[in-house]
C-alpha cells in the first residue's frame, strides 16, 4: 500500500526582483516579475518521483491561480481529488528578492484563513504527512484508519501544532523549536545537555521524536539509547531543498516500514546528495550508499 496524504499550503507566488534593499518612502522600478507555485510542493513532488500515490489535501480559490495550481499538481503526478476549491481567491505571496545578497521579503495575502479539508476519504492512506495543523482532521484519520502512520513536521509553536504533534507517530522538530518547548539551550559538546533536551522533548509527545539539528545531524532514540546520526558533508551548507529531500526520504522509508535507525540514516544520505548538487530520485542509489557506508561515527548517549 503506497497511498500518501500530504496536508499543506497552496500559494501562488509573484516574484519581484530588485538589486537593493527596500527602504521606506521610496519608489522602485521593477524590471522582472515571475510567477511560481513555490517550493511548498517540493516534498509531494519528490514522493511522486519515488513512485508513491500522493494525494494533496489543501484548498485553493475558484480563480485562474487556483486552476494553474491544480494543473501544476497534475503535471507532477500529484492527485488533486482532495484539494477543496472554494468561492474565494487563492492565497498569494509577493516575494521581493534582493539579487545582490539573495535575501527575500515575503508578503502573504491570506484569502483563506481556515483550511476547509475534505474529510470523506475513499482510499486507505499508509502515511499522512502534515505541515499545517488541523487536529480534527488527524483525529478523523486515526479513528478510521488505525494502521495509518502520522508524520508531522513542526514548523511553528502554536496550540494547534502541538495538538497535532501529540497525535502523531513521528514528530520531526527543528532544534530551535525543541529549545523553545523545553527551555533548554543545547550545548552539543555536553552529553548531559543532549540527554536533557531530548528527554524533555520526548515527554511532551507520545510518538517517536527526531530533533533536526542543521549543522550537526539528527538526534533520536534508537532502542533505549539517545543517538545522533551526524550530518554528512559540509556543516555550513544549509538548503531548504535538501531539507525537503530529507523529509521526502523519511516518509518513503516509514512507508516501507524501515526501522527508525535505518530511516534516519537513509534520509541523511539523501540530504547529503542534495546538498552537493547530486539530488537523486533513484532511491536504489541512496540505498546502495547506505549499505556501503561506515556508520562508526554514530554516537550514543545513555
C-alpha atoms as a PDB file:
ATOM      1  CA  UNK A   1       0.000   0.000   0.000  1.00  0.00           C
ATOM      2  CA  UNK A   2       1.650   3.219  -1.192  1.00  0.00           C
ATOM      3  CA  UNK A   3      -1.006   5.890  -0.656  1.00  0.00           C
ATOM      4  CA  UNK A   4       0.430   9.043   0.908  1.00  0.00           C
ATOM      5  CA  UNK A   5      -1.533  12.066   2.111  1.00  0.00           C
ATOM      6  CA  UNK A   6       0.294  15.407   2.246  1.00  0.00           C
ATOM      7  CA  UNK A   7      -1.521  18.221   4.058  1.00  0.00           C
ATOM      8  CA  UNK A   8      -0.140  21.675   3.334  1.00  0.00           C
ATOM      9  CA  UNK A   9      -0.469  25.183   1.984  1.00  0.00           C
ATOM     10  CA  UNK A  10      -1.111  26.040  -1.640  1.00  0.00           C
ATOM     11  CA  UNK A  11       0.080  29.511  -2.586  1.00  0.00           C
ATOM     12  CA  UNK A  12       0.564  31.371  -5.828  1.00  0.00           C
ATOM     13  CA  UNK A  13       3.811  33.355  -5.790  1.00  0.00           C
ATOM     14  CA  UNK A  14       4.638  36.600  -7.565  1.00  0.00           C
ATOM     15  CA  UNK A  15       8.427  37.019  -7.519  1.00  0.00           C
ATOM     16  CA  UNK A  16       9.721  40.595  -7.701  1.00  0.00           C
ATOM     17  CA  UNK A  17      13.456  41.119  -8.316  1.00  0.00           C
ATOM     18  CA  UNK A  18      15.393  44.158  -7.052  1.00  0.00           C
ATOM     19  CA  UNK A  19      19.122  44.770  -6.725  1.00  0.00           C
ATOM     20  CA  UNK A  20      18.828  46.689  -3.473  1.00  0.00           C
ATOM     21  CA  UNK A  21      17.147  46.736  -0.077  1.00  0.00           C
ATOM     22  CA  UNK A  22      13.648  48.144   0.252  1.00  0.00           C
ATOM     23  CA  UNK A  23      13.552  51.492   2.042  1.00  0.00           C
ATOM     24  CA  UNK A  24      10.567  53.429   3.290  1.00  0.00           C
ATOM     25  CA  UNK A  25       9.078  56.257   1.199  1.00  0.00           C
ATOM     26  CA  UNK A  26      10.868  55.199  -1.989  1.00  0.00           C
ATOM     27  CA  UNK A  27       9.663  54.211  -5.437  1.00  0.00           C
ATOM     28  CA  UNK A  28      11.319  51.308  -7.241  1.00  0.00           C
ATOM     29  CA  UNK A  29      11.360  50.344 -10.895  1.00  0.00           C
ATOM     30  CA  UNK A  30      10.779  46.633 -11.419  1.00  0.00           C
ATOM     31  CA  UNK A  31      12.330  45.019 -14.485  1.00  0.00           C
ATOM     32  CA  UNK A  32      11.173  41.484 -13.936  1.00  0.00           C
ATOM     33  CA  UNK A  33       8.238  39.702 -12.277  1.00  0.00           C
ATOM     34  CA  UNK A  34       7.836  35.938 -12.448  1.00  0.00           C
ATOM     35  CA  UNK A  35       5.077  33.615 -11.297  1.00  0.00           C
ATOM     36  CA  UNK A  36       5.612  30.350  -9.456  1.00  0.00           C
ATOM     37  CA  UNK A  37       3.747  27.854  -7.333  1.00  0.00           C
ATOM     38  CA  UNK A  38       6.557  27.937  -4.760  1.00  0.00           C
ATOM     39  CA  UNK A  39       8.700  25.288  -3.105  1.00  0.00           C
ATOM     40  CA  UNK A  40       5.829  24.286  -0.816  1.00  0.00           C
ATOM     41  CA  UNK A  41       5.299  21.313  -3.164  1.00  0.00           C
ATOM     42  CA  UNK A  42       8.896  20.012  -3.071  1.00  0.00           C
ATOM     43  CA  UNK A  43       8.031  17.099  -0.773  1.00  0.00           C
ATOM     44  CA  UNK A  44       4.994  15.735  -2.685  1.00  0.00           C
ATOM     45  CA  UNK A  45       6.868  16.123  -5.986  1.00  0.00           C
ATOM     46  CA  UNK A  46       9.767  14.000  -4.684  1.00  0.00           C
ATOM     47  CA  UNK A  47       7.351  11.418  -3.238  1.00  0.00           C
ATOM     48  CA  UNK A  48       5.671  11.166  -6.631  1.00  0.00           C
ATOM     49  CA  UNK A  49       9.080  10.604  -8.252  1.00  0.00           C
ATOM     50  CA  UNK A  50       9.590   7.805  -5.721  1.00  0.00           C
ATOM     51  CA  UNK A  51       6.554   6.123  -7.374  1.00  0.00           C
ATOM     52  CA  UNK A  52       4.173   6.689  -4.472  1.00  0.00           C
ATOM     53  CA  UNK A  53       0.499   7.632  -4.883  1.00  0.00           C
ATOM     54  CA  UNK A  54       0.428  11.164  -3.482  1.00  0.00           C
ATOM     55  CA  UNK A  55      -2.837  12.899  -2.559  1.00  0.00           C
ATOM     56  CA  UNK A  56      -2.561  16.579  -1.676  1.00  0.00           C
ATOM     57  CA  UNK A  57      -5.051  17.931   0.863  1.00  0.00           C
ATOM     58  CA  UNK A  58      -5.484  21.699   0.858  1.00  0.00           C
ATOM     59  CA  UNK A  59      -7.694  24.367  -0.703  1.00  0.00           C
ATOM     60  CA  UNK A  60      -7.483  26.937  -3.482  1.00  0.00           C
ATOM     61  CA  UNK A  61      -9.727  29.660  -4.771  1.00  0.00           C
ATOM     62  CA  UNK A  62     -12.051  29.370  -7.731  1.00  0.00           C
ATOM     63  CA  UNK A  63      -9.871  31.579  -9.932  1.00  0.00           C
ATOM     64  CA  UNK A  64      -7.128  31.455 -12.589  1.00  0.00           C
ATOM     65  CA  UNK A  65      -4.377  30.986  -9.983  1.00  0.00           C
ATOM     66  CA  UNK A  66      -6.253  28.084  -8.403  1.00  0.00           C
ATOM     67  CA  UNK A  67      -6.637  26.373 -11.767  1.00  0.00           C
ATOM     68  CA  UNK A  68      -2.931  26.836 -12.525  1.00  0.00           C
ATOM     69  CA  UNK A  69      -2.043  25.229  -9.190  1.00  0.00           C
ATOM     70  CA  UNK A  70      -4.317  22.255  -9.920  1.00  0.00           C
ATOM     71  CA  UNK A  71      -2.696  21.851 -13.362  1.00  0.00           C
ATOM     72  CA  UNK A  72       0.750  22.040 -11.754  1.00  0.00           C
ATOM     73  CA  UNK A  73      -0.198  19.223  -9.344  1.00  0.00           C
ATOM     74  CA  UNK A  74      -1.388  17.071 -12.238  1.00  0.00           C
ATOM     75  CA  UNK A  75       1.756  17.728 -14.279  1.00  0.00           C
ATOM     76  CA  UNK A  76       3.787  16.353 -11.350  1.00  0.00           C
ATOM     77  CA  UNK A  77       1.527  13.305 -10.894  1.00  0.00           C
ATOM     78  CA  UNK A  78       0.093  14.550  -7.608  1.00  0.00           C
ATOM     79  CA  UNK A  79      -3.588  13.769  -7.057  1.00  0.00           C
ATOM     80  CA  UNK A  80      -5.812  16.818  -6.558  1.00  0.00           C
ATOM     81  CA  UNK A  81      -9.019  14.922  -5.705  1.00  0.00           C
ATOM     82  CA  UNK A  82      -8.938  16.368  -2.186  1.00  0.00           C
ATOM     83  CA  UNK A  83      -7.958  19.937  -2.976  1.00  0.00           C
ATOM     84  CA  UNK A  84     -11.044  21.880  -1.951  1.00  0.00           C
ATOM     85  CA  UNK A  85     -11.990  24.624  -4.444  1.00  0.00           C
ATOM     86  CA  UNK A  86     -13.555  27.498  -2.519  1.00  0.00           C
ATOM     87  CA  UNK A  87     -15.521  30.503  -3.736  1.00  0.00           C
ATOM     88  CA  UNK A  88     -12.660  32.760  -2.674  1.00  0.00           C
ATOM     89  CA  UNK A  89      -9.377  33.899  -4.142  1.00  0.00           C
ATOM     90  CA  UNK A  90      -6.294  31.704  -3.976  1.00  0.00           C
ATOM     91  CA  UNK A  91      -3.730  32.679  -1.339  1.00  0.00           C
ATOM     92  CA  UNK A  92      -0.935  34.770  -2.833  1.00  0.00           C
ATOM     93  CA  UNK A  93       2.601  35.552  -1.765  1.00  0.00           C
ATOM     94  CA  UNK A  94       4.573  38.540  -3.014  1.00  0.00           C
ATOM     95  CA  UNK A  95       8.229  37.537  -2.807  1.00  0.00           C
ATOM     96  CA  UNK A  96      10.593  40.515  -3.067  1.00  0.00           C
ATOM     97  CA  UNK A  97      14.060  39.169  -3.845  1.00  0.00           C
ATOM     98  CA  UNK A  98      17.267  41.133  -3.377  1.00  0.00           C
ATOM     99  CA  UNK A  99      19.530  39.882  -6.174  1.00  0.00           C
ATOM    100  CA  UNK A 100      22.645  41.361  -4.531  1.00  0.00           C
ATOM    101  CA  UNK A 101      22.661  39.091  -1.494  1.00  0.00           C
ATOM    102  CA  UNK A 102      19.914  36.536  -2.265  1.00  0.00           C
ATOM    103  CA  UNK A 103      17.742  37.712   0.643  1.00  0.00           C
ATOM    104  CA  UNK A 104      13.982  37.965   0.318  1.00  0.00           C
ATOM    105  CA  UNK A 105      10.984  39.677   1.913  1.00  0.00           C
ATOM    106  CA  UNK A 106       7.646  37.863   1.727  1.00  0.00           C
ATOM    107  CA  UNK A 107       4.212  39.475   1.900  1.00  0.00           C
ATOM    108  CA  UNK A 108       1.440  36.893   2.300  1.00  0.00           C
ATOM    109  CA  UNK A 109      -2.109  37.636   1.224  1.00  0.00           C
ATOM    110  CA  UNK A 110      -4.350  35.127   3.003  1.00  0.00           C
ATOM    111  CA  UNK A 111      -7.782  34.856   1.461  1.00  0.00           C
ATOM    112  CA  UNK A 112      -8.500  31.501   3.092  1.00  0.00           C
ATOM    113  CA  UNK A 113      -7.906  31.838   6.825  1.00  0.00           C
ATOM    114  CA  UNK A 114      -9.118  28.354   7.650  1.00  0.00           C
ATOM    115  CA  UNK A 115      -8.264  25.230   5.713  1.00  0.00           C
ATOM    116  CA  UNK A 116     -11.515  23.519   4.882  1.00  0.00           C
ATOM    117  CA  UNK A 117     -10.237  19.995   4.277  1.00  0.00           C
ATOM    118  CA  UNK A 118     -12.351  17.345   2.586  1.00  0.00           C
ATOM    119  CA  UNK A 119     -12.878  14.640   5.208  1.00  0.00           C
ATOM    120  CA  UNK A 120     -14.592  11.889   3.218  1.00  0.00           C
ATOM    121  CA  UNK A 121     -11.726   9.668   2.002  1.00  0.00           C
ATOM    122  CA  UNK A 122     -12.289   6.739  -0.340  1.00  0.00           C
ATOM    123  CA  UNK A 123      -8.869   5.091  -0.008  1.00  0.00           C
ATOM    124  CA  UNK A 124      -6.650   3.819   2.814  1.00  0.00           C
ATOM    125  CA  UNK A 125      -3.638   6.067   3.433  1.00  0.00           C
ATOM    126  CA  UNK A 126      -0.458   4.401   4.601  1.00  0.00           C
ATOM    127  CA  UNK A 127       1.187   7.656   5.710  1.00  0.00           C
ATOM    128  CA  UNK A 128      -0.129  11.151   6.433  1.00  0.00           C
ATOM    129  CA  UNK A 129       2.431  13.979   6.394  1.00  0.00           C
ATOM    130  CA  UNK A 130       1.309  17.321   7.778  1.00  0.00           C
ATOM    131  CA  UNK A 131       2.768  20.836   7.714  1.00  0.00           C
ATOM    132  CA  UNK A 132      -0.484  22.600   8.542  1.00  0.00           C
ATOM    133  CA  UNK A 133      -2.164  21.715  11.761  1.00  0.00           C
ATOM    134  CA  UNK A 134      -5.757  20.516  11.803  1.00  0.00           C
ATOM    135  CA  UNK A 135      -6.219  18.245  14.817  1.00  0.00           C
ATOM    136  CA  UNK A 136      -9.848  17.408  13.929  1.00  0.00           C
ATOM    137  CA  UNK A 137      -8.744  16.079  10.547  1.00  0.00           C
ATOM    138  CA  UNK A 138      -5.941  13.998  12.093  1.00  0.00           C
ATOM    139  CA  UNK A 139      -8.324  12.586  14.722  1.00  0.00           C
ATOM    140  CA  UNK A 140     -10.717  11.651  11.919  1.00  0.00           C
ATOM    141  CA  UNK A 141      -7.904   9.830  10.077  1.00  0.00           C
ATOM    142  CA  UNK A 142      -6.782   7.993  13.222  1.00  0.00           C
ATOM    143  CA  UNK A 143     -10.309   6.851  14.077  1.00  0.00           C
ATOM    144  CA  UNK A 144     -10.962   5.493  10.561  1.00  0.00           C
ATOM    145  CA  UNK A 145      -7.551   4.098   9.656  1.00  0.00           C
ATOM    146  CA  UNK A 146      -5.837   2.528  12.660  1.00  0.00           C
ATOM    147  CA  UNK A 147      -2.729   1.429  10.754  1.00  0.00           C
ATOM    148  CA  UNK A 148      -2.052   4.827   9.141  1.00  0.00           C
ATOM    149  CA  UNK A 149       1.191   6.437  10.296  1.00  0.00           C
ATOM    150  CA  UNK A 150       1.095  10.178  11.057  1.00  0.00           C
ATOM    151  CA  UNK A 151       4.270  12.211  10.439  1.00  0.00           C
ATOM    152  CA  UNK A 152       4.312  15.862  11.482  1.00  0.00           C
ATOM    153  CA  UNK A 153       6.982  18.400  10.595  1.00  0.00           C
ATOM    154  CA  UNK A 154       6.827  21.084  13.303  1.00  0.00           C
ATOM    155  CA  UNK A 155       7.201  24.490  11.656  1.00  0.00           C
ATOM    156  CA  UNK A 156       5.635  26.729  14.306  1.00  0.00           C
ATOM    157  CA  UNK A 157       4.827  26.797  18.003  1.00  0.00           C
ATOM    158  CA  UNK A 158       1.056  27.074  18.319  1.00  0.00           C
ATOM    159  CA  UNK A 159      -1.734  25.330  20.184  1.00  0.00           C
ATOM    160  CA  UNK A 160      -2.967  23.584  17.026  1.00  0.00           C
ATOM    161  CA  UNK A 161       0.546  22.487  16.041  1.00  0.00           C
ATOM    162  CA  UNK A 162       1.209  20.945  19.457  1.00  0.00           C
ATOM    163  CA  UNK A 163      -2.160  19.146  19.373  1.00  0.00           C
ATOM    164  CA  UNK A 164      -1.299  17.552  16.025  1.00  0.00           C
ATOM    165  CA  UNK A 165       2.186  16.608  17.248  1.00  0.00           C
ATOM    166  CA  UNK A 166       0.640  14.828  20.240  1.00  0.00           C
ATOM    167  CA  UNK A 167      -1.477  12.756  17.837  1.00  0.00           C
ATOM    168  CA  UNK A 168       1.471  11.870  15.597  1.00  0.00           C
ATOM    169  CA  UNK A 169       3.508   8.682  15.367  1.00  0.00           C
ATOM    170  CA  UNK A 170       6.618  10.608  14.274  1.00  0.00           C
ATOM    171  CA  UNK A 171       7.437  14.231  15.011  1.00  0.00           C
ATOM    172  CA  UNK A 172      10.354  15.989  13.296  1.00  0.00           C
ATOM    173  CA  UNK A 173      11.328  19.046  15.325  1.00  0.00           C
ATOM    174  CA  UNK A 174      13.977  21.591  14.299  1.00  0.00           C
ATOM    175  CA  UNK A 175      16.356  22.371  17.148  1.00  0.00           C
ATOM    176  CA  UNK A 176      15.105  25.949  17.639  1.00  0.00           C
ATOM    177  CA  UNK A 177      11.586  24.693  18.427  1.00  0.00           C
ATOM    178  CA  UNK A 178      12.821  21.919  20.738  1.00  0.00           C
ATOM    179  CA  UNK A 179      14.730  24.575  22.676  1.00  0.00           C
ATOM    180  CA  UNK A 180      11.629  26.787  22.956  1.00  0.00           C
ATOM    181  CA  UNK A 181       9.442  23.873  24.081  1.00  0.00           C
ATOM    182  CA  UNK A 182      11.894  22.683  26.742  1.00  0.00           C
ATOM    183  CA  UNK A 183      13.566  25.933  27.780  1.00  0.00           C
ATOM    184  CA  UNK A 184      16.969  24.288  27.219  1.00  0.00           C
ATOM    185  CA  UNK A 185      19.685  25.834  25.051  1.00  0.00           C
ATOM    186  CA  UNK A 186      21.583  22.876  23.659  1.00  0.00           C
ATOM    187  CA  UNK A 187      25.326  22.589  24.257  1.00  0.00           C
ATOM    188  CA  UNK A 188      26.239  19.966  21.675  1.00  0.00           C
ATOM    189  CA  UNK A 189      29.602  19.353  23.386  1.00  0.00           C
ATOM    190  CA  UNK A 190      27.865  18.484  26.664  1.00  0.00           C
ATOM    191  CA  UNK A 191      26.459  14.956  26.948  1.00  0.00           C
ATOM    192  CA  UNK A 192      24.071  15.922  29.771  1.00  0.00           C
ATOM    193  CA  UNK A 193      22.695  18.838  27.729  1.00  0.00           C
ATOM    194  CA  UNK A 194      21.962  16.497  24.813  1.00  0.00           C
ATOM    195  CA  UNK A 195      20.235  13.931  27.009  1.00  0.00           C
ATOM    196  CA  UNK A 196      18.199  16.549  28.892  1.00  0.00           C
ATOM    197  CA  UNK A 197      16.997  18.305  25.718  1.00  0.00           C
ATOM    198  CA  UNK A 198      15.903  15.048  24.096  1.00  0.00           C
ATOM    199  CA  UNK A 199      14.339  13.576  27.236  1.00  0.00           C
ATOM    200  CA  UNK A 200      12.274  16.697  27.967  1.00  0.00           C
ATOM    201  CA  UNK A 201      11.115  16.960  24.344  1.00  0.00           C
ATOM    202  CA  UNK A 202      10.109  13.301  24.294  1.00  0.00           C
ATOM    203  CA  UNK A 203       7.986  13.725  27.427  1.00  0.00           C
ATOM    204  CA  UNK A 204       5.775  16.198  25.555  1.00  0.00           C
ATOM    205  CA  UNK A 205       4.665  13.725  22.876  1.00  0.00           C
ATOM    206  CA  UNK A 206       3.707  10.073  22.625  1.00  0.00           C
ATOM    207  CA  UNK A 207       5.276   9.362  19.223  1.00  0.00           C
ATOM    208  CA  UNK A 208       8.866   8.959  18.098  1.00  0.00           C
ATOM    209  CA  UNK A 209      10.836  12.202  18.183  1.00  0.00           C
ATOM    210  CA  UNK A 210      13.526  13.313  15.741  1.00  0.00           C
ATOM    211  CA  UNK A 211      15.272  16.577  16.630  1.00  0.00           C
ATOM    212  CA  UNK A 212      16.763  18.011  13.454  1.00  0.00           C
ATOM    213  CA  UNK A 213      19.985  19.982  14.067  1.00  0.00           C
ATOM    214  CA  UNK A 214      21.036  21.562  10.767  1.00  0.00           C
ATOM    215  CA  UNK A 215      24.787  21.847  11.424  1.00  0.00           C
ATOM    216  CA  UNK A 216      25.106  18.609  13.408  1.00  0.00           C
ATOM    217  CA  UNK A 217      22.664  15.907  12.344  1.00  0.00           C
ATOM    218  CA  UNK A 218      19.617  14.158  13.814  1.00  0.00           C
ATOM    219  CA  UNK A 219      19.012  13.371  17.469  1.00  0.00           C
ATOM    220  CA  UNK A 220      16.629  10.482  18.139  1.00  0.00           C
ATOM    221  CA  UNK A 221      16.159   7.403  20.311  1.00  0.00           C
ATOM    222  CA  UNK A 222      17.365   4.080  18.950  1.00  0.00           C
ATOM    223  CA  UNK A 223      16.032   1.307  21.183  1.00  0.00           C
ATOM    224  CA  UNK A 224      16.871   2.700  24.643  1.00  0.00           C
ATOM    225  CA  UNK A 225      19.787   4.838  23.526  1.00  0.00           C
ATOM    226  CA  UNK A 226      19.649   8.531  22.624  1.00  0.00           C
ATOM    227  CA  UNK A 227      21.611   8.710  19.394  1.00  0.00           C
ATOM    228  CA  UNK A 228      22.999  11.174  16.858  1.00  0.00           C
ATOM    229  CA  UNK A 229      23.328  10.433  13.173  1.00  0.00           C
ATOM    230  CA  UNK A 230      25.906  13.075  12.192  1.00  0.00           C
ATOM    231  CA  UNK A 231      25.350  15.351   9.233  1.00  0.00           C
ATOM    232  CA  UNK A 232      27.318  14.224   6.193  1.00  0.00           C
ATOM    233  CA  UNK A 233      29.483  16.699   4.292  1.00  0.00           C
ATOM    234  CA  UNK A 234      29.932  20.440   4.832  1.00  0.00           C
ATOM    235  CA  UNK A 235      28.310  21.514   8.110  1.00  0.00           C
ATOM    236  CA  UNK A 236      27.872  25.056   6.818  1.00  0.00           C
ATOM    237  CA  UNK A 237      25.705  24.102   3.849  1.00  0.00           C
ATOM    238  CA  UNK A 238      22.063  24.945   4.588  1.00  0.00           C
ATOM    239  CA  UNK A 239      19.409  24.382   1.957  1.00  0.00           C
ATOM    240  CA  UNK A 240      15.610  24.328   2.032  1.00  0.00           C
ATOM    241  CA  UNK A 241      15.519  21.905  -0.907  1.00  0.00           C
ATOM    242  CA  UNK A 242      17.915  19.457   0.759  1.00  0.00           C
ATOM    243  CA  UNK A 243      15.808  19.513   3.935  1.00  0.00           C
ATOM    244  CA  UNK A 244      12.815  18.669   1.753  1.00  0.00           C
ATOM    245  CA  UNK A 245      14.800  15.730   0.354  1.00  0.00           C
ATOM    246  CA  UNK A 246      15.426  14.568   3.933  1.00  0.00           C
ATOM    247  CA  UNK A 247      11.695  14.766   4.729  1.00  0.00           C
ATOM    248  CA  UNK A 248      10.637  13.071   1.477  1.00  0.00           C
ATOM    249  CA  UNK A 249      13.037  10.180   2.004  1.00  0.00           C
ATOM    250  CA  UNK A 250      11.962   9.884   5.645  1.00  0.00           C
ATOM    251  CA  UNK A 251       8.329   9.482   4.522  1.00  0.00           C
ATOM    252  CA  UNK A 252       9.351   6.933   1.877  1.00  0.00           C
ATOM    253  CA  UNK A 253      11.215   4.852   4.464  1.00  0.00           C
ATOM    254  CA  UNK A 254       8.386   4.920   7.019  1.00  0.00           C
ATOM    255  CA  UNK A 255       6.015   3.857   4.255  1.00  0.00           C
ATOM    256  CA  UNK A 256       8.350   0.889   3.665  1.00  0.00           C
ATOM    257  CA  UNK A 257       8.280   0.013   7.397  1.00  0.00           C
ATOM    258  CA  UNK A 258      12.011   0.550   7.823  1.00  0.00           C
ATOM    259  CA  UNK A 259      13.302   0.919  11.366  1.00  0.00           C
ATOM    260  CA  UNK A 260      13.755   4.481  12.625  1.00  0.00           C
ATOM    261  CA  UNK A 261      17.525   3.958  12.712  1.00  0.00           C
ATOM    262  CA  UNK A 262      17.622   2.911   9.037  1.00  0.00           C
ATOM    263  CA  UNK A 263      15.140   5.639   8.093  1.00  0.00           C
ATOM    264  CA  UNK A 264      17.221   8.459   9.595  1.00  0.00           C
ATOM    265  CA  UNK A 265      20.431   7.153   8.035  1.00  0.00           C
ATOM    266  CA  UNK A 266      18.953   6.853   4.537  1.00  0.00           C
ATOM    267  CA  UNK A 267      17.305  10.278   4.840  1.00  0.00           C
ATOM    268  CA  UNK A 268      20.659  11.766   5.913  1.00  0.00           C
ATOM    269  CA  UNK A 269      22.314  10.330   2.793  1.00  0.00           C
ATOM    270  CA  UNK A 270      19.566  11.743   0.579  1.00  0.00           C
ATOM    271  CA  UNK A 271      20.050  15.204   2.115  1.00  0.00           C
ATOM    272  CA  UNK A 272      23.836  14.946   1.674  1.00  0.00           C
ATOM    273  CA  UNK A 273      23.454  14.192  -2.043  1.00  0.00           C
ATOM    274  CA  UNK A 274      21.086  17.154  -2.422  1.00  0.00           C
ATOM    275  CA  UNK A 275      23.484  19.457  -0.534  1.00  0.00           C
ATOM    276  CA  UNK A 276      26.177  18.574  -3.052  1.00  0.00           C
ATOM    277  CA  UNK A 277      24.100  19.084  -6.168  1.00  0.00           C
ATOM    278  CA  UNK A 278      23.567  15.355  -6.676  1.00  0.00           C
ATOM    279  CA  UNK A 279      19.853  15.276  -5.975  1.00  0.00           C
ATOM    280  CA  UNK A 280      18.615  11.855  -6.968  1.00  0.00           C
ATOM    281  CA  UNK A 281      15.130  10.440  -7.299  1.00  0.00           C
ATOM    282  CA  UNK A 282      16.562   6.941  -7.679  1.00  0.00           C
ATOM    283  CA  UNK A 283      16.005   5.555  -4.202  1.00  0.00           C
ATOM    284  CA  UNK A 284      18.062   2.467  -5.101  1.00  0.00           C
ATOM    285  CA  UNK A 285      21.141   4.679  -5.467  1.00  0.00           C
ATOM    286  CA  UNK A 286      20.573   6.053  -1.957  1.00  0.00           C
ATOM    287  CA  UNK A 287      20.065   2.544  -0.536  1.00  0.00           C
ATOM    288  CA  UNK A 288      23.327   1.351  -2.146  1.00  0.00           C
ATOM    289  CA  UNK A 289      25.229   4.142  -0.381  1.00  0.00           C
ATOM    290  CA  UNK A 290      23.517   3.209   2.882  1.00  0.00           C
ATOM    291  CA  UNK A 291      24.694  -0.404   2.579  1.00  0.00           C
ATOM    292  CA  UNK A 292      28.304   0.636   1.861  1.00  0.00           C
ATOM    293  CA  UNK A 293      28.606   3.475   4.393  1.00  0.00           C
ATOM    294  CA  UNK A 294      30.678   3.086   7.553  1.00  0.00           C
ATOM    295  CA  UNK A 295      28.475   4.293  10.420  1.00  0.00           C
ATOM    296  CA  UNK A 296      31.258   4.102  13.039  1.00  0.00           C
ATOM    297  CA  UNK A 297      30.799   7.839  13.818  1.00  0.00           C
ATOM    298  CA  UNK A 298      27.297   7.111  15.024  1.00  0.00           C
ATOM    299  CA  UNK A 299      27.123   8.491  18.625  1.00  0.00           C
ATOM    300  CA  UNK A 300      25.225   7.013  21.580  1.00  0.00           C
ATOM    301  CA  UNK A 301      24.241   8.558  24.903  1.00  0.00           C
ATOM    302  CA  UNK A 302      22.834   6.759  27.942  1.00  0.00           C
END
